[in-house]
Amino acid sequence: MDGILLIDKPAGLTTRQIDNHLKHVYSTKKIGHAGTLDPFATGLVLVGVNQGTKALSFFEYLDKTYIATLKLGERTKSGDNETEVVETADVPELNDTLISYKMLGLLGEQKQVPPMYSAIKINGKPLYELARQDIEVERDARNVTIFGLKLISYNEKENTIQFEAHVSKGTYIRTLGEDIAKALGTVGHLIALRRIKIGKFSIGKAIKYEDINESTRLYSIPSACYFIPKVPVNEKIKSKVQNGVPMKVKTKSDILLFVDQAQPNKAISFYMRSEGGYFRCKRGLNE
């Protein structure tokens, strides 16, 4: 069984714990995920099963959409409710119009410094391990894009804002939440986070974690990789592709997925653009 699984992750679990559970469900060691979610967060996770793990790196480039709840007036070490409050501030008088206006100023391309509480590794060590030891190191800012920010609701009594964010890969919503709070003249941290979309995949198509079993439907690799052009090949060309022979293809795309002409849902190999109009094998599949 090979393919991609859409899972609705519950709060309290790490994505690694989900991987380990699925290894038992599908009786395989080849399980992985595309993009982690913090333990306190819920929502959509793409999981690769067996040969599906070879496609996971390509999903990392897809944009994502989240719904988050921001608590104003309190900042925590981690930017969420998993650590203690380290700073408090008054919350100015706000309304929906003002909040939406301030959010507009955060749209577009920008540099974002990853939080210390993240899985990014420096010298082989995850940043969150250093953060737990109260060690802070310099982090390089990353290019990210905020495509859309929409206010869903503002609760003046609770000092909370619920918003929807459509962002590029690598964007930390905890940091974005802190930026929103700063734009509003205060501090803040996330108390809830839910990922609802990855590319065209939506949470409505995901299976609840507790409902997964060995017969749960997987997306085939070609259907899951909707954003990669497919090249159907006959048996003669298929043999060359399986052996990693460079292929010349006229296309504007930098990546191709060769599939079996007789069985279009059977993936053969991912190829990446090389020199002279040729494509070279990036990752072979054994479906």
C-alpha atoms as a PDB file:
ATOM      1  CA  MET A   1       0.000   0.000   0.000  1.00  0.00           C
ATOM      2  CA  ASP A   2       1.541   3.272  -1.189  1.00  0.00           C
ATOM      3  CA  GLY A   3       0.242   6.827  -1.198  1.00  0.00           C
ATOM      4  CA  ILE A   4      -0.629   9.963   0.715  1.00  0.00           C
ATOM      5  CA  LEU A   5      -2.955  10.145   3.702  1.00  0.00           C
ATOM      6  CA  LEU A   6      -4.770  13.281   4.901  1.00  0.00           C
ATOM      7  CA  ILE A   7      -5.062  13.331   8.691  1.00  0.00           C
ATOM      8  CA  ASP A   8      -6.873  15.672  11.071  1.00  0.00           C
ATOM      9  CA  LYS A   9      -4.403  15.885  13.962  1.00  0.00           C
ATOM     10  CA  PRO A  10      -5.819  16.330  17.478  1.00  0.00           C
ATOM     11  CA  ALA A  11      -4.222  18.597  20.080  1.00  0.00           C
ATOM     12  CA  GLY A  12      -1.636  17.086  22.396  1.00  0.00           C
ATOM     13  CA  LEU A  13       0.136  14.857  19.879  1.00  0.00           C
ATOM     14  CA  THR A  14       3.363  15.485  18.011  1.00  0.00           C
ATOM     15  CA  THR A  15       3.545  14.652  14.316  1.00  0.00           C
ATOM     16  CA  ARG A  16       6.253  12.113  15.169  1.00  0.00           C
ATOM     17  CA  GLN A  17       3.820  10.317  17.493  1.00  0.00           C
ATOM     18  CA  ILE A  18       1.364  10.147  14.607  1.00  0.00           C
ATOM     19  CA  ASP A  19       4.058   8.639  12.379  1.00  0.00           C
ATOM     20  CA  ASN A  20       4.865   5.993  14.987  1.00  0.00           C
ATOM     21  CA  HIS A  21       1.190   5.081  15.378  1.00  0.00           C
ATOM     22  CA  LEU A  22       0.755   4.691  11.614  1.00  0.00           C
ATOM     23  CA  LYS A  23       3.783   2.414  11.394  1.00  0.00           C
ATOM     24  CA  HIS A  24       1.806  -0.049  13.508  1.00  0.00           C
ATOM     25  CA  VAL A  25      -1.455   0.525  11.606  1.00  0.00           C
ATOM     26  CA  TYR A  26       0.124  -0.147   8.200  1.00  0.00           C
ATOM     27  CA  SER A  27       2.818  -2.575   9.424  1.00  0.00           C
ATOM     28  CA  THR A  28       5.627  -0.622   7.785  1.00  0.00           C
ATOM     29  CA  LYS A  29       8.625   1.453   8.808  1.00  0.00           C
ATOM     30  CA  LYS A  30       8.181   3.763   5.818  1.00  0.00           C
ATOM     31  CA  ILE A  31       5.962   6.511   7.232  1.00  0.00           C
ATOM     32  CA  GLY A  32       6.658  10.241   7.190  1.00  0.00           C
ATOM     33  CA  HIS A  33       4.908  13.605   7.123  1.00  0.00           C
ATOM     34  CA  ALA A  34       5.193  16.863   5.198  1.00  0.00           C
ATOM     35  CA  GLY A  35       5.401  19.816   7.555  1.00  0.00           C
ATOM     36  CA  THR A  36       5.122  19.535  11.319  1.00  0.00           C
ATOM     37  CA  LEU A  37       2.382  20.899  13.547  1.00  0.00           C
ATOM     38  CA  ASP A  38       3.051  22.013  17.109  1.00  0.00           C
ATOM     39  CA  PRO A  39       1.633  19.666  19.776  1.00  0.00           C
ATOM     40  CA  PHE A  40      -0.991  22.222  20.864  1.00  0.00           C
ATOM     41  CA  ALA A  41      -2.139  22.720  17.254  1.00  0.00           C
ATOM     42  CA  THR A  42      -4.762  20.710  15.385  1.00  0.00           C
ATOM     43  CA  GLY A  43      -5.609  20.170  11.756  1.00  0.00           C
ATOM     44  CA  LEU A  44      -4.353  18.940   8.436  1.00  0.00           C
ATOM     45  CA  VAL A  45      -1.214  16.812   8.163  1.00  0.00           C
ATOM     46  CA  LEU A  46      -0.089  15.061   4.968  1.00  0.00           C
ATOM     47  CA  VAL A  47       1.412  11.647   5.654  1.00  0.00           C
ATOM     48  CA  GLY A  48       3.295   9.463   3.186  1.00  0.00           C
ATOM     49  CA  VAL A  49       2.948   5.681   3.363  1.00  0.00           C
ATOM     50  CA  ASN A  50       5.691   3.459   1.894  1.00  0.00           C
ATOM     51  CA  GLN A  51       6.570   4.896  -1.564  1.00  0.00           C
ATOM     52  CA  GLY A  52       4.459   7.933  -0.708  1.00  0.00           C
ATOM     53  CA  THR A  53       7.268   9.093   1.594  1.00  0.00           C
ATOM     54  CA  LYS A  54       9.372   9.819  -1.506  1.00  0.00           C
ATOM     55  CA  ALA A  55       6.896  12.516  -2.578  1.00  0.00           C
ATOM     56  CA  LEU A  56       6.740  14.344   0.757  1.00  0.00           C
ATOM     57  CA  SER A  57       9.501  16.893   0.118  1.00  0.00           C
ATOM     58  CA  PHE A  58       7.553  18.313  -2.833  1.00  0.00           C
ATOM     59  CA  PHE A  59       4.542  19.142  -0.633  1.00  0.00           C
ATOM     60  CA  GLU A  60       6.715  21.335   1.596  1.00  0.00           C
ATOM     61  CA  TYR A  61       6.543  24.107  -1.020  1.00  0.00           C
ATOM     62  CA  LEU A  62       2.743  24.402  -0.958  1.00  0.00           C
ATOM     63  CA  ASP A  63       1.140  27.393   0.749  1.00  0.00           C
ATOM     64  CA  LYS A  64      -0.940  26.807   3.869  1.00  0.00           C
ATOM     65  CA  THR A  65      -4.016  28.266   5.565  1.00  0.00           C
ATOM     66  CA  TYR A  66      -4.618  28.413   9.312  1.00  0.00           C
ATOM     67  CA  ILE A  67      -7.236  29.595  11.770  1.00  0.00           C
ATOM     68  CA  ALA A  68      -5.667  30.944  14.948  1.00  0.00           C
ATOM     69  CA  THR A  69      -6.817  32.493  18.213  1.00  0.00           C
ATOM     70  CA  LEU A  70      -4.575  35.211  19.630  1.00  0.00           C
ATOM     71  CA  LYS A  71      -4.662  36.208  23.291  1.00  0.00           C
ATOM     72  CA  LEU A  72      -3.763  39.881  23.646  1.00  0.00           C
ATOM     73  CA  GLY A  73      -1.951  41.438  26.584  1.00  0.00           C
ATOM     74  CA  GLU A  74       0.246  38.448  27.434  1.00  0.00           C
ATOM     75  CA  ARG A  75       3.450  37.205  25.806  1.00  0.00           C
ATOM     76  CA  THR A  76       4.901  33.756  26.454  1.00  0.00           C
ATOM     77  CA  LYS A  77       8.339  32.270  25.812  1.00  0.00           C
ATOM     78  CA  SER A  78       7.108  30.019  23.015  1.00  0.00           C
ATOM     79  CA  GLY A  79       4.462  32.279  21.486  1.00  0.00           C
ATOM     80  CA  ASP A  80       1.731  29.797  22.425  1.00  0.00           C
ATOM     81  CA  ASN A  81       0.094  28.517  25.611  1.00  0.00           C
ATOM     82  CA  GLU A  82       2.686  25.780  26.211  1.00  0.00           C
ATOM     83  CA  THR A  83       5.002  27.992  28.282  1.00  0.00           C
ATOM     84  CA  GLU A  84       4.652  30.599  31.001  1.00  0.00           C
ATOM     85  CA  VAL A  85       3.758  34.269  30.524  1.00  0.00           C
ATOM     86  CA  VAL A  86       6.928  36.397  30.501  1.00  0.00           C
ATOM     87  CA  GLU A  87       5.449  39.801  29.692  1.00  0.00           C
ATOM     88  CA  THR A  88       2.129  41.574  30.114  1.00  0.00           C
ATOM     89  CA  ALA A  89       0.894  44.794  28.536  1.00  0.00           C
ATOM     90  CA  ASP A  90      -2.243  46.877  28.405  1.00  0.00           C
ATOM     91  CA  VAL A  91      -4.580  46.243  25.485  1.00  0.00           C
ATOM     92  CA  PRO A  92      -5.677  49.471  23.784  1.00  0.00           C
ATOM     93  CA  GLU A  93      -9.251  50.104  22.736  1.00  0.00           C
ATOM     94  CA  LEU A  94      -9.879  48.077  19.597  1.00  0.00           C
ATOM     95  CA  ASN A  95     -12.644  47.332  17.123  1.00  0.00           C
ATOM     96  CA  ASP A  96     -13.067  45.083  14.092  1.00  0.00           C
ATOM     97  CA  THR A  97     -12.319  47.869  11.599  1.00  0.00           C
ATOM     98  CA  LEU A  98      -9.080  48.906  13.295  1.00  0.00           C
ATOM     99  CA  ILE A  99      -7.863  45.321  13.688  1.00  0.00           C
ATOM    100  CA  SER A 100      -8.553  44.514  10.026  1.00  0.00           C
ATOM    101  CA  TYR A 101      -6.759  47.706   8.961  1.00  0.00           C
ATOM    102  CA  LYS A 102      -3.674  46.880  11.029  1.00  0.00           C
ATOM    103  CA  MET A 103      -3.614  43.370   9.574  1.00  0.00           C
ATOM    104  CA  LEU A 104      -3.369  44.824   6.060  1.00  0.00           C
ATOM    105  CA  GLY A 105       0.050  46.196   6.971  1.00  0.00           C
ATOM    106  CA  LEU A 106       1.353  42.678   7.552  1.00  0.00           C
ATOM    107  CA  LEU A 107       0.526  41.352   4.082  1.00  0.00           C
ATOM    108  CA  GLY A 108       3.110  40.557   1.421  1.00  0.00           C
ATOM    109  CA  GLU A 109       6.710  39.372   1.275  1.00  0.00           C
ATOM    110  CA  GLN A 110       8.775  39.861   4.407  1.00  0.00           C
ATOM    111  CA  LYS A 111      11.630  38.558   6.534  1.00  0.00           C
ATOM    112  CA  GLN A 112      10.651  36.427   9.512  1.00  0.00           C
ATOM    113  CA  VAL A 113      13.010  35.227  12.235  1.00  0.00           C
ATOM    114  CA  PRO A 114      12.064  31.678  13.317  1.00  0.00           C
ATOM    115  CA  PRO A 115      11.149  31.363  17.017  1.00  0.00           C
ATOM    116  CA  MET A 116      13.507  29.644  19.435  1.00  0.00           C
ATOM    117  CA  TYR A 117      10.755  27.130  20.135  1.00  0.00           C
ATOM    118  CA  SER A 118      10.994  25.463  16.714  1.00  0.00           C
ATOM    119  CA  ALA A 119      12.336  22.254  15.196  1.00  0.00           C
ATOM    120  CA  ILE A 120      14.985  24.051  13.153  1.00  0.00           C
ATOM    121  CA  LYS A 121      18.404  22.565  13.855  1.00  0.00           C
ATOM    122  CA  ILE A 122      21.599  24.478  14.553  1.00  0.00           C
ATOM    123  CA  ASN A 123      24.750  22.365  14.762  1.00  0.00           C
ATOM    124  CA  GLY A 124      22.521  19.292  14.740  1.00  0.00           C
ATOM    125  CA  LYS A 125      20.463  20.367  17.741  1.00  0.00           C
ATOM    126  CA  PRO A 126      16.792  21.468  17.545  1.00  0.00           C
ATOM    127  CA  LEU A 127      16.250  25.054  18.673  1.00  0.00           C
ATOM    128  CA  TYR A 128      13.505  24.047  21.097  1.00  0.00           C
ATOM    129  CA  GLU A 129      16.003  21.968  23.091  1.00  0.00           C
ATOM    130  CA  LEU A 130      18.188  25.047  23.530  1.00  0.00           C
ATOM    131  CA  ALA A 131      15.156  27.185  24.378  1.00  0.00           C
ATOM    132  CA  ARG A 132      14.187  24.808  27.183  1.00  0.00           C
ATOM    133  CA  GLN A 133      17.639  25.401  28.662  1.00  0.00           C
ATOM    134  CA  ASP A 134      17.081  29.176  28.433  1.00  0.00           C
ATOM    135  CA  ILE A 135      19.733  29.380  25.726  1.00  0.00           C
ATOM    136  CA  GLU A 136      19.022  31.780  22.882  1.00  0.00           C
ATOM    137  CA  VAL A 137      21.051  31.772  19.670  1.00  0.00           C
ATOM    138  CA  GLU A 138      21.021  33.998  16.630  1.00  0.00           C
ATOM    139  CA  ARG A 139      18.708  32.805  13.858  1.00  0.00           C
ATOM    140  CA  ASP A 140      18.769  33.866  10.222  1.00  0.00           C
ATOM    141  CA  ALA A 141      15.637  35.613   8.982  1.00  0.00           C
ATOM    142  CA  ARG A 142      13.738  33.737   6.287  1.00  0.00           C
ATOM    143  CA  ASN A 143      11.772  35.012   3.320  1.00  0.00           C
ATOM    144  CA  VAL A 144       8.052  34.363   3.802  1.00  0.00           C
ATOM    145  CA  THR A 145       4.871  35.702   2.239  1.00  0.00           C
ATOM    146  CA  ILE A 146       1.586  36.502   3.958  1.00  0.00           C
ATOM    147  CA  PHE A 147      -0.937  36.118   1.133  1.00  0.00           C
ATOM    148  CA  GLY A 148      -4.020  36.837   3.199  1.00  0.00           C
ATOM    149  CA  LEU A 149      -5.092  37.814   6.721  1.00  0.00           C
ATOM    150  CA  LYS A 150      -8.756  37.915   7.686  1.00  0.00           C
ATOM    151  CA  LEU A 151     -10.297  38.817  11.016  1.00  0.00           C
ATOM    152  CA  ILE A 152     -12.939  36.268  12.016  1.00  0.00           C
ATOM    153  CA  SER A 153     -13.906  37.686  15.400  1.00  0.00           C
ATOM    154  CA  TYR A 154     -12.762  39.969  18.220  1.00  0.00           C
ATOM    155  CA  ASN A 155     -13.798  39.253  21.811  1.00  0.00           C
ATOM    156  CA  GLU A 156     -13.229  42.447  23.782  1.00  0.00           C
ATOM    157  CA  LYS A 157     -14.103  40.830  27.110  1.00  0.00           C
ATOM    158  CA  GLU A 158     -11.585  37.987  26.679  1.00  0.00           C
ATOM    159  CA  ASN A 159      -9.028  40.096  24.767  1.00  0.00           C
ATOM    160  CA  THR A 160      -8.867  37.478  22.014  1.00  0.00           C
ATOM    161  CA  ILE A 161      -8.759  37.696  18.242  1.00  0.00           C
ATOM    162  CA  GLN A 162      -9.576  34.834  15.920  1.00  0.00           C
ATOM    163  CA  PHE A 163      -8.106  35.208  12.446  1.00  0.00           C
ATOM    164  CA  GLU A 164      -7.440  33.259   9.263  1.00  0.00           C
ATOM    165  CA  ALA A 165      -3.972  33.355   7.692  1.00  0.00           C
ATOM    166  CA  HIS A 166      -2.978  32.217   4.194  1.00  0.00           C
ATOM    167  CA  VAL A 167       0.821  31.969   4.125  1.00  0.00           C
ATOM    168  CA  SER A 168       3.824  30.603   2.263  1.00  0.00           C
ATOM    169  CA  LYS A 169       5.978  27.673   3.359  1.00  0.00           C
ATOM    170  CA  GLY A 170       8.150  28.325   6.364  1.00  0.00           C
ATOM    171  CA  THR A 171       5.847  30.887   7.975  1.00  0.00           C
ATOM    172  CA  TYR A 172       5.460  30.579  11.740  1.00  0.00           C
ATOM    173  CA  ILE A 173       1.943  31.547  12.807  1.00  0.00           C
ATOM    174  CA  ARG A 174       3.108  32.004  16.408  1.00  0.00           C
ATOM    175  CA  THR A 175       5.482  34.725  15.189  1.00  0.00           C
ATOM    176  CA  LEU A 176       2.768  36.199  12.985  1.00  0.00           C
ATOM    177  CA  GLY A 177       0.475  36.316  16.016  1.00  0.00           C
ATOM    178  CA  GLU A 178       3.104  38.259  17.953  1.00  0.00           C
ATOM    179  CA  ASP A 179       3.471  40.630  14.995  1.00  0.00           C
ATOM    180  CA  ILE A 180      -0.292  41.235  14.908  1.00  0.00           C
ATOM    181  CA  ALA A 181      -0.297  42.001  18.633  1.00  0.00           C
ATOM    182  CA  LYS A 182       2.624  44.412  18.171  1.00  0.00           C
ATOM    183  CA  ALA A 183       0.804  46.175  15.316  1.00  0.00           C
ATOM    184  CA  LEU A 184      -2.143  46.637  17.687  1.00  0.00           C
ATOM    185  CA  GLY A 185       0.070  48.227  20.337  1.00  0.00           C
ATOM    186  CA  THR A 186       0.356  45.326  22.763  1.00  0.00           C
ATOM    187  CA  VAL A 187       1.775  41.806  23.122  1.00  0.00           C
ATOM    188  CA  GLY A 188       0.142  38.438  22.575  1.00  0.00           C
ATOM    189  CA  HIS A 189       0.406  34.686  22.170  1.00  0.00           C
ATOM    190  CA  LEU A 190      -1.585  31.979  20.410  1.00  0.00           C
ATOM    191  CA  ILE A 191      -4.014  29.925  22.471  1.00  0.00           C
ATOM    192  CA  ALA A 192      -5.352  27.878  19.536  1.00  0.00           C
ATOM    193  CA  LEU A 193      -4.104  26.994  16.061  1.00  0.00           C
ATOM    194  CA  ARG A 194      -5.712  24.866  13.363  1.00  0.00           C
ATOM    195  CA  ARG A 195      -4.350  24.160   9.876  1.00  0.00           C
ATOM    196  CA  ILE A 196      -7.229  23.947   7.430  1.00  0.00           C
ATOM    197  CA  LYS A 197      -5.493  23.843   4.020  1.00  0.00           C
ATOM    198  CA  ILE A 198      -2.256  22.720   2.398  1.00  0.00           C
ATOM    199  CA  GLY A 199      -2.289  23.735  -1.251  1.00  0.00           C
ATOM    200  CA  LYS A 200      -5.630  22.446  -2.557  1.00  0.00           C
ATOM    201  CA  PHE A 201      -5.986  19.844   0.196  1.00  0.00           C
ATOM    202  CA  SER A 202      -8.597  20.902   2.755  1.00  0.00           C
ATOM    203  CA  ILE A 203      -9.379  19.706   6.264  1.00  0.00           C
ATOM    204  CA  GLY A 204     -12.804  18.560   5.073  1.00  0.00           C
ATOM    205  CA  LYS A 205     -11.133  15.694   3.178  1.00  0.00           C
ATOM    206  CA  ALA A 206      -9.022  14.566   6.146  1.00  0.00           C
ATOM    207  CA  ILE A 207      -9.585  11.493   8.301  1.00  0.00           C
ATOM    208  CA  LYS A 208      -9.776  11.928  12.057  1.00  0.00           C
ATOM    209  CA  TYR A 209      -6.705  10.460  13.730  1.00  0.00           C
ATOM    210  CA  GLU A 210      -8.745   8.055  15.873  1.00  0.00           C
ATOM    211  CA  ASP A 211     -10.625   6.720  12.815  1.00  0.00           C
ATOM    212  CA  ILE A 212      -7.563   5.591  10.852  1.00  0.00           C
ATOM    213  CA  ASN A 213      -7.213   1.885  10.152  1.00  0.00           C
ATOM    214  CA  GLU A 214      -5.465  -0.359   7.622  1.00  0.00           C
ATOM    215  CA  SER A 215      -8.309   0.077   5.104  1.00  0.00           C
ATOM    216  CA  THR A 216      -8.315   3.900   5.196  1.00  0.00           C
ATOM    217  CA  ARG A 217      -8.171   5.246   1.642  1.00  0.00           C
ATOM    218  CA  LEU A 218      -4.878   6.690   0.429  1.00  0.00           C
ATOM    219  CA  TYR A 219      -4.437   9.168  -2.396  1.00  0.00           C
ATOM    220  CA  SER A 220      -2.269   7.714  -5.154  1.00  0.00           C
ATOM    221  CA  ILE A 221       1.024   9.547  -5.642  1.00  0.00           C
ATOM    222  CA  PRO A 222       0.027  10.979  -9.069  1.00  0.00           C
ATOM    223  CA  SER A 223      -3.344  12.240  -7.807  1.00  0.00           C
ATOM    224  CA  ALA A 224      -1.799  13.739  -4.656  1.00  0.00           C
ATOM    225  CA  CYS A 225       0.890  15.475  -6.721  1.00  0.00           C
ATOM    226  CA  TYR A 226      -1.708  17.504  -8.646  1.00  0.00           C
ATOM    227  CA  PHE A 227       0.742  20.426  -8.906  1.00  0.00           C
ATOM    228  CA  ILE A 228       3.390  18.411 -10.795  1.00  0.00           C
ATOM    229  CA  PRO A 229       2.957  17.792 -14.558  1.00  0.00           C
ATOM    230  CA  LYS A 230       2.635  14.101 -15.463  1.00  0.00           C
ATOM    231  CA  VAL A 231       4.409  12.403 -18.358  1.00  0.00           C
ATOM    232  CA  PRO A 232       2.756   9.092 -19.366  1.00  0.00           C
ATOM    233  CA  VAL A 233       5.236   6.647 -20.918  1.00  0.00           C
ATOM    234  CA  ASN A 234       4.996   3.313 -22.713  1.00  0.00           C
ATOM    235  CA  GLU A 235       6.869   0.177 -21.690  1.00  0.00           C
ATOM    236  CA  LYS A 236       9.969   1.047 -23.740  1.00  0.00           C
ATOM    237  CA  ILE A 237      10.390   4.519 -22.231  1.00  0.00           C
ATOM    238  CA  LYS A 238       9.281   3.253 -18.830  1.00  0.00           C
ATOM    239  CA  SER A 239      12.321   0.969 -18.688  1.00  0.00           C
ATOM    240  CA  LYS A 240      14.637   3.924 -19.359  1.00  0.00           C
ATOM    241  CA  VAL A 241      12.948   6.063 -16.721  1.00  0.00           C
ATOM    242  CA  GLN A 242      13.204   3.265 -14.164  1.00  0.00           C
ATOM    243  CA  ASN A 243      16.933   3.092 -14.881  1.00  0.00           C
ATOM    244  CA  GLY A 244      17.345   6.845 -14.391  1.00  0.00           C
ATOM    245  CA  VAL A 245      18.182   7.705 -18.002  1.00  0.00           C
ATOM    246  CA  PRO A 246      18.110  11.529 -18.543  1.00  0.00           C
ATOM    247  CA  MET A 247      15.022  12.546 -20.528  1.00  0.00           C
ATOM    248  CA  LYS A 248      14.484  15.543 -22.818  1.00  0.00           C
ATOM    249  CA  VAL A 249      11.021  17.082 -22.393  1.00  0.00           C
ATOM    250  CA  LYS A 250       9.653  20.419 -23.628  1.00  0.00           C
ATOM    251  CA  THR A 251       7.966  22.053 -20.646  1.00  0.00           C
ATOM    252  CA  LYS A 252       8.161  25.180 -18.491  1.00  0.00           C
ATOM    253  CA  SER A 253       8.034  23.104 -15.328  1.00  0.00           C
ATOM    254  CA  ASP A 254      11.210  22.318 -13.387  1.00  0.00           C
ATOM    255  CA  ILE A 255       9.851  19.029 -12.085  1.00  0.00           C
ATOM    256  CA  LEU A 256       8.007  16.159 -13.758  1.00  0.00           C
ATOM    257  CA  LEU A 257       6.402  12.941 -12.610  1.00  0.00           C
ATOM    258  CA  PHE A 258       6.650  10.053 -15.054  1.00  0.00           C
ATOM    259  CA  VAL A 259       3.699   7.669 -14.837  1.00  0.00           C
ATOM    260  CA  ASP A 260       2.737   4.392 -16.467  1.00  0.00           C
ATOM    261  CA  GLN A 261       0.737   5.058 -19.633  1.00  0.00           C
ATOM    262  CA  ALA A 262      -1.327   1.914 -19.068  1.00  0.00           C
ATOM    263  CA  GLN A 263      -1.885   2.720 -15.366  1.00  0.00           C
ATOM    264  CA  PRO A 264      -1.883   6.537 -14.935  1.00  0.00           C
ATOM    265  CA  ASN A 265      -2.187   6.229 -11.156  1.00  0.00           C
ATOM    266  CA  LYS A 266       1.088   4.324 -11.008  1.00  0.00           C
ATOM    267  CA  ALA A 267       4.065   6.647 -10.465  1.00  0.00           C
ATOM    268  CA  ILE A 268       7.478   5.715 -11.854  1.00  0.00           C
ATOM    269  CA  SER A 269       9.889   8.519 -11.042  1.00  0.00           C
ATOM    270  CA  PHE A 270      10.276  12.214 -10.212  1.00  0.00           C
ATOM    271  CA  TYR A 271      12.607  14.082 -12.560  1.00  0.00           C
ATOM    272  CA  MET A 272      14.148  17.550 -12.096  1.00  0.00           C
ATOM    273  CA  ARG A 273      15.305  19.983 -14.775  1.00  0.00           C
ATOM    274  CA  SER A 274      18.983  19.779 -15.650  1.00  0.00           C
ATOM    275  CA  GLU A 275      21.104  21.436 -18.352  1.00  0.00           C
ATOM    276  CA  GLY A 276      20.415  21.431 -22.086  1.00  0.00           C
ATOM    277  CA  GLY A 277      16.675  20.874 -21.772  1.00  0.00           C
ATOM    278  CA  TYR A 278      17.206  17.504 -20.092  1.00  0.00           C
ATOM    279  CA  PHE A 279      15.576  16.231 -16.934  1.00  0.00           C
ATOM    280  CA  ARG A 280      17.411  13.930 -14.552  1.00  0.00           C
ATOM    281  CA  CYS A 281      16.029  11.438 -12.070  1.00  0.00           C
ATOM    282  CA  LYS A 282      15.465  12.974  -8.655  1.00  0.00           C
ATOM    283  CA  ARG A 283      13.649  10.124  -6.956  1.00  0.00           C
ATOM    284  CA  GLY A 284      12.732   6.713  -8.314  1.00  0.00           C
ATOM    285  CA  LEU A 285       9.621   4.882  -7.148  1.00  0.00           C
ATOM    286  CA  ASN A 286       8.981   1.172  -6.824  1.00  0.00           C
ATOM    287  CA  GLU A 287       5.202   1.039  -6.882  1.00  0.00           C
END
